[in-house]
Protein backbone atom coordinates (compact mmCIF):
# COMPACT_ATOMS: atom_id res chain seq x y z
CA UNK A 1 60.99 21.07 5.63
CA UNK A 2 60.15 23.40 8.50
CA UNK A 3 60.91 26.44 6.32
CA UNK A 4 58.60 25.17 3.57
CA UNK A 5 55.79 24.64 6.07
CA UNK A 6 56.19 28.16 7.47
CA UNK A 7 56.16 29.59 3.95
CA UNK A 8 52.98 27.63 3.14
CA UNK A 9 51.20 28.94 6.24
CA UNK A 10 52.36 32.48 5.44
CA UNK A 11 50.86 32.26 1.94
CA UNK A 12 47.67 30.74 3.36
CA UNK A 13 47.29 33.61 5.82
CA UNK A 14 47.70 36.14 3.00
CA UNK A 15 45.01 34.39 0.98
CA UNK A 16 42.56 34.37 3.87
CA UNK A 17 43.30 38.01 4.69
CA UNK A 18 42.59 39.12 1.12
CA UNK A 19 39.15 37.51 1.02
CA UNK A 20 36.19 39.89 1.18
CA UNK A 21 32.51 39.27 1.79
CA UNK A 22 29.89 41.41 0.04
CA UNK A 23 26.28 41.19 1.21
CA UNK A 24 23.31 42.65 -0.66
CA UNK A 25 19.86 43.03 0.90
CA UNK A 26 16.62 44.65 -0.14
CA UNK A 27 15.43 45.74 3.31
CA UNK A 28 11.84 46.49 2.35
CA UNK A 29 10.75 50.01 3.36
CA UNK A 30 13.86 50.53 5.48
CA UNK A 31 12.94 53.58 7.54
CA UNK A 32 11.50 54.71 10.83
CA UNK A 33 9.03 51.82 10.87
CA UNK A 34 11.88 49.43 11.74
CA UNK A 35 11.93 48.86 15.50
CA UNK A 36 15.09 48.72 17.60
CA UNK A 37 14.57 44.97 17.89
CA UNK A 38 14.40 44.63 14.10
CA UNK A 39 17.51 46.80 13.64
CA UNK A 40 19.30 44.55 16.15
CA UNK A 41 18.27 41.43 14.21
CA UNK A 42 19.49 42.92 10.92
CA UNK A 43 22.77 43.89 12.60
CA UNK A 44 23.40 40.37 13.87
CA UNK A 45 22.63 39.00 10.40
CA UNK A 46 25.11 41.22 8.52
CA UNK A 47 27.87 41.93 11.08
CA UNK A 48 30.27 39.26 9.79
CA UNK A 49 30.41 40.68 6.26
CA UNK A 50 32.69 43.42 4.94
CA UNK A 51 30.56 45.44 2.51
CA UNK A 52 26.79 45.78 2.81
CA UNK A 53 24.69 47.06 -0.09
CA UNK A 54 21.17 48.00 1.01
CA UNK A 55 18.29 48.61 -1.37
CA UNK A 56 14.88 50.15 -0.66
CA UNK A 57 15.93 52.71 1.93
CA UNK A 58 12.92 55.00 2.33
CA UNK A 59 13.50 58.41 0.73
CA UNK A 60 11.46 60.07 3.48
CA UNK A 61 10.08 58.74 6.76
CA UNK A 62 13.44 58.30 8.43
CA UNK A 63 15.29 56.21 5.84
CA UNK A 64 18.63 57.96 6.34
CA UNK A 65 18.14 57.85 10.11
CA UNK A 66 17.47 54.10 9.95
CA UNK A 67 20.79 53.56 8.14
CA UNK A 68 22.52 55.65 10.84
CA UNK A 69 20.85 53.53 13.52
CA UNK A 70 22.07 50.38 11.77
CA UNK A 71 25.62 51.72 11.51
CA UNK A 72 25.58 52.69 15.19
CA UNK A 73 24.43 49.21 16.15
CA UNK A 74 27.16 47.64 14.00
CA UNK A 75 29.79 49.82 15.65
CA UNK A 76 28.71 48.46 19.03
CA UNK A 77 29.83 45.00 17.91
CA UNK A 78 33.52 45.80 18.27
CA UNK A 79 34.40 46.57 14.64
CA UNK A 80 34.52 50.05 13.11
CA UNK A 81 31.97 50.67 10.34
CA UNK A 82 31.31 53.64 8.06
CA UNK A 83 28.41 54.28 5.70
CA UNK A 84 27.08 56.40 2.85
CA UNK A 85 23.50 57.03 1.77
CA UNK A 86 22.44 58.08 -1.71
CA UNK A 87 20.25 61.00 -2.60
CA UNK A 88 16.69 59.97 -3.53
CA UNK A 89 16.58 58.27 -6.91
CA UNK A 90 15.09 60.27 -9.78
CA UNK A 91 12.03 58.07 -10.10
CA UNK A 92 9.09 59.58 -11.96
CA UNK A 93 6.70 57.65 -9.72
CA UNK A 94 6.13 57.67 -5.98
CA UNK A 95 8.66 54.83 -5.70
CA UNK A 96 11.69 57.08 -5.30
CA UNK A 97 14.11 55.52 -2.82
CA UNK A 98 17.62 55.74 -1.45
CA UNK A 99 20.42 53.20 -1.39
CA UNK A 100 23.07 52.72 1.28
CA UNK A 101 26.52 51.18 1.62
CA UNK A 102 28.04 50.17 4.94
CA UNK A 103 31.56 48.75 5.27
CA UNK A 104 34.23 47.77 7.77
CA UNK A 105 36.91 50.44 7.73
CA UNK A 106 39.63 48.07 8.98
CA UNK A 107 39.33 45.98 5.82
CA UNK A 108 38.38 48.53 3.19
CA UNK A 109 38.89 52.10 2.11
CA UNK A 110 36.26 54.12 0.24
CA UNK A 111 37.73 55.72 -2.88
CA UNK A 112 36.10 59.00 -3.85
CA UNK A 113 32.43 59.76 -3.44
CA UNK A 114 29.65 57.26 -4.21
CA UNK A 115 27.28 58.35 -6.97
CA UNK A 116 23.92 57.66 -8.55
CA UNK A 117 24.18 56.76 -12.23
CA UNK A 118 23.23 59.87 -14.22
CA UNK A 119 23.48 58.93 -17.88
CA UNK A 120 20.58 56.47 -17.85
CA UNK A 121 18.52 57.94 -15.02
CA UNK A 122 15.67 58.67 -17.44
CA UNK A 123 15.62 55.08 -18.68
CA UNK A 124 16.10 53.47 -15.25
CA UNK A 125 13.46 54.29 -12.65
CA UNK A 126 15.75 53.90 -9.64
CA UNK A 127 19.21 54.42 -11.09
CA UNK A 128 21.98 52.31 -9.52
CA UNK A 129 24.24 53.63 -6.78
CA UNK A 130 27.99 53.13 -7.25
CA UNK A 131 30.78 53.02 -4.65
CA UNK A 132 34.45 52.14 -5.17
CA UNK A 133 36.36 50.35 -2.43
CA UNK A 134 40.08 49.69 -2.14
CA UNK A 135 41.10 46.30 -0.80
CA UNK A 136 44.86 45.75 -0.30
CA UNK A 137 45.76 48.11 -3.12
CA UNK A 138 43.15 46.76 -5.56
CA UNK A 139 39.71 48.21 -6.21
CA UNK A 140 36.16 47.06 -6.77
CA UNK A 141 33.16 49.20 -7.68
CA UNK A 142 29.78 47.93 -6.48
CA UNK A 143 26.67 49.11 -8.31
CA UNK A 144 23.64 48.57 -6.07
CA UNK A 145 20.28 48.38 -7.85
CA UNK A 146 16.56 47.95 -7.23
CA UNK A 147 14.61 47.30 -10.42
CA UNK A 148 10.97 48.08 -11.11
CA UNK A 149 8.55 45.26 -10.30
CA UNK A 150 7.99 42.26 -12.54
CA UNK A 151 4.60 43.60 -13.67
CA UNK A 152 6.38 46.70 -15.03
CA UNK A 153 8.94 44.64 -16.99
CA UNK A 154 12.30 45.17 -15.25
CA UNK A 155 14.12 43.90 -18.35
CA UNK A 156 13.35 47.26 -19.99
CA UNK A 157 15.74 48.78 -17.43
CA UNK A 158 18.24 45.96 -17.05
CA UNK A 159 19.03 46.07 -20.78
CA UNK A 160 20.99 49.30 -20.15
CA UNK A 161 23.40 47.51 -17.82
CA UNK A 162 25.28 46.10 -20.82
CA UNK A 163 26.34 49.71 -21.56
CA UNK A 164 27.75 50.43 -18.10
CA UNK A 165 31.07 48.56 -18.53
CA UNK A 166 31.66 50.79 -21.57
CA UNK A 167 30.79 53.89 -19.54
CA UNK A 168 33.28 52.90 -16.82
CA UNK A 169 36.01 50.92 -18.62
CA UNK A 170 38.58 51.52 -15.86
CA UNK A 171 36.36 50.22 -13.04
CA UNK A 172 36.15 46.65 -11.75
CA UNK A 173 32.36 46.56 -11.72
CA UNK A 174 30.07 44.33 -9.67
CA UNK A 175 26.29 44.59 -10.06
CA UNK A 176 24.33 43.73 -6.90
CA UNK A 177 20.73 43.97 -5.84
CA UNK A 178 17.11 43.15 -6.48
CA UNK A 179 16.63 42.79 -10.22
CA UNK A 180 13.03 41.52 -9.98
CA UNK A 181 14.15 39.20 -12.75
CA UNK A 182 15.90 35.79 -12.72
CA UNK A 183 19.50 35.54 -13.88
CA UNK A 184 18.37 33.05 -16.54
CA UNK A 185 16.48 35.81 -18.40
CA UNK A 186 17.94 36.65 -21.81
CA UNK A 187 18.33 40.32 -20.77
CA UNK A 188 21.45 39.26 -18.84
CA UNK A 189 23.01 37.51 -21.84
CA UNK A 190 25.02 40.57 -23.02
CA UNK A 191 26.59 40.93 -19.55
CA UNK A 192 27.37 37.21 -19.44
CA UNK A 193 28.96 37.48 -22.88
CA UNK A 194 31.21 40.23 -21.46
CA UNK A 195 32.45 37.84 -18.80
CA UNK A 196 30.05 38.65 -15.95
CA UNK A 197 28.67 35.74 -13.96
CA UNK A 198 25.86 35.53 -11.37
CA UNK A 199 26.76 34.24 -7.92
CA UNK A 200 23.44 32.39 -7.57
CA UNK A 201 21.54 30.12 -9.94
CA UNK A 202 18.13 28.59 -9.29
CA UNK A 203 18.01 30.25 -5.86
CA UNK A 204 14.74 31.93 -4.95
CA UNK A 205 15.29 35.04 -2.85
CA UNK A 206 11.91 36.69 -2.29
CA UNK A 207 9.41 35.58 0.35
CA UNK A 208 5.87 34.48 -0.33
CA UNK A 209 3.04 36.31 1.43
CA UNK A 210 1.79 32.97 2.76
CA UNK A 211 3.49 29.62 3.18
CA UNK A 212 2.31 27.17 0.53
CA UNK A 213 2.98 23.46 1.01
CA UNK A 214 5.92 24.26 3.26
CA UNK A 215 7.44 26.61 0.69
CA UNK A 216 8.45 30.06 1.92
CA UNK A 217 10.24 31.37 -1.16
CA UNK A 218 8.66 32.93 -4.24
CA UNK A 219 11.03 34.17 -6.95
CA UNK A 220 14.67 34.24 -8.07
CA UNK A 221 15.14 38.02 -7.99
CA UNK A 222 18.28 38.99 -6.07
CA UNK A 223 21.77 38.38 -7.39
CA UNK A 224 25.32 39.69 -7.76
CA UNK A 225 27.13 39.72 -11.11
CA UNK A 226 30.94 39.80 -11.07
CA UNK A 227 33.67 39.81 -13.75
CA UNK A 228 35.25 36.37 -13.74
CA UNK A 229 38.63 37.49 -15.10
CA UNK A 230 39.22 40.08 -12.38
CA UNK A 231 37.47 38.53 -9.38
CA UNK A 232 37.92 35.03 -7.96
CA UNK A 233 34.73 33.39 -6.71
CA UNK A 234 35.10 31.67 -3.33
CA UNK A 235 31.60 31.15 -1.90
CA UNK A 236 28.07 32.51 -2.15
CA UNK A 237 24.65 31.85 -0.68
CA UNK A 238 21.34 33.29 0.44
CA UNK A 239 20.57 33.62 4.16
CA UNK A 240 17.29 31.96 5.14
CA UNK A 241 16.66 34.43 7.95
CA UNK A 242 12.93 33.61 8.14
CA UNK A 243 13.83 30.39 9.95
CA UNK A 244 14.56 32.52 13.02
CA UNK A 245 10.90 33.60 13.28
CA UNK A 246 7.82 31.79 14.47
CA UNK A 247 5.86 32.87 11.39
CA UNK A 248 6.37 34.18 7.88
CA UNK A 249 4.36 37.25 8.84
CA UNK A 250 6.87 38.11 11.57
CA UNK A 251 9.82 37.48 9.26
CA UNK A 252 8.38 39.79 6.62
CA UNK A 253 8.55 42.67 9.12
CA UNK A 254 12.31 42.52 8.47
CA UNK A 255 12.00 42.21 4.69
CA UNK A 256 10.28 40.35 1.88
CA UNK A 257 13.72 39.46 0.45
CA UNK A 258 16.59 37.29 1.63
CA UNK A 259 20.06 38.76 2.04
CA UNK A 260 22.54 37.27 -0.42
CA UNK A 261 26.32 37.18 -0.07
CA UNK A 262 29.44 36.69 -2.11
CA UNK A 263 32.91 35.86 -0.80
CA UNK A 264 35.68 36.71 -3.25
CA UNK A 265 39.24 37.81 -3.76
CA UNK A 266 40.55 40.32 -6.29
CA UNK A 267 42.91 39.05 -8.96
């Protein structure tokens, strides 16, 4: 009996150890305008996760430096972090941006060099940024994305995502970010038919400009899509960080989007 119990606890510890937490956050205009106090708040919000995908890093105005400041602050928390920042996206408008990944090096290993998607960069205003991570001998490739705004019809970009699994058939793809479009939109149907599932449903993730009837949240924009036959869903949620501020105006200095997270294990 004692041997069986020890074996059970051994298997349980392996299961816990193999779990990974991915957090995605559109950190609106993430650049030199973020104060040290705001960087510290962001750090405390994300420090317990393993992989961080950041959208809307400013292409100029200290965006790369802000990511470095965030990584430095994370490293002061007692766990070793590394990071990569994308080149500016090939946007034809003034909305060119960067993406960033940050991750705990004790839990993960970066495989190869992250890259901006090139094949559809003409069709997608801010082409997604890919990074492959190894977790206990298995890999996952996160594609971080920030779509054009709702008024510019983000579905005209998102429709190309159904082609990406064919472009990278050997990769265990996960699509994360701000899609400016709810997961219920028909543009996601092809991905769902391929076995991809959103981690959130009916969860608003963007902040209103003003509180209306006690409601702080505006739209269901941010999500993470994962392949159900290669990734086991454990938990997911959005972090209501605005509750830590005395006003919505103060909260929006951090971002106009909530961070979302996904705890999973690789099959």
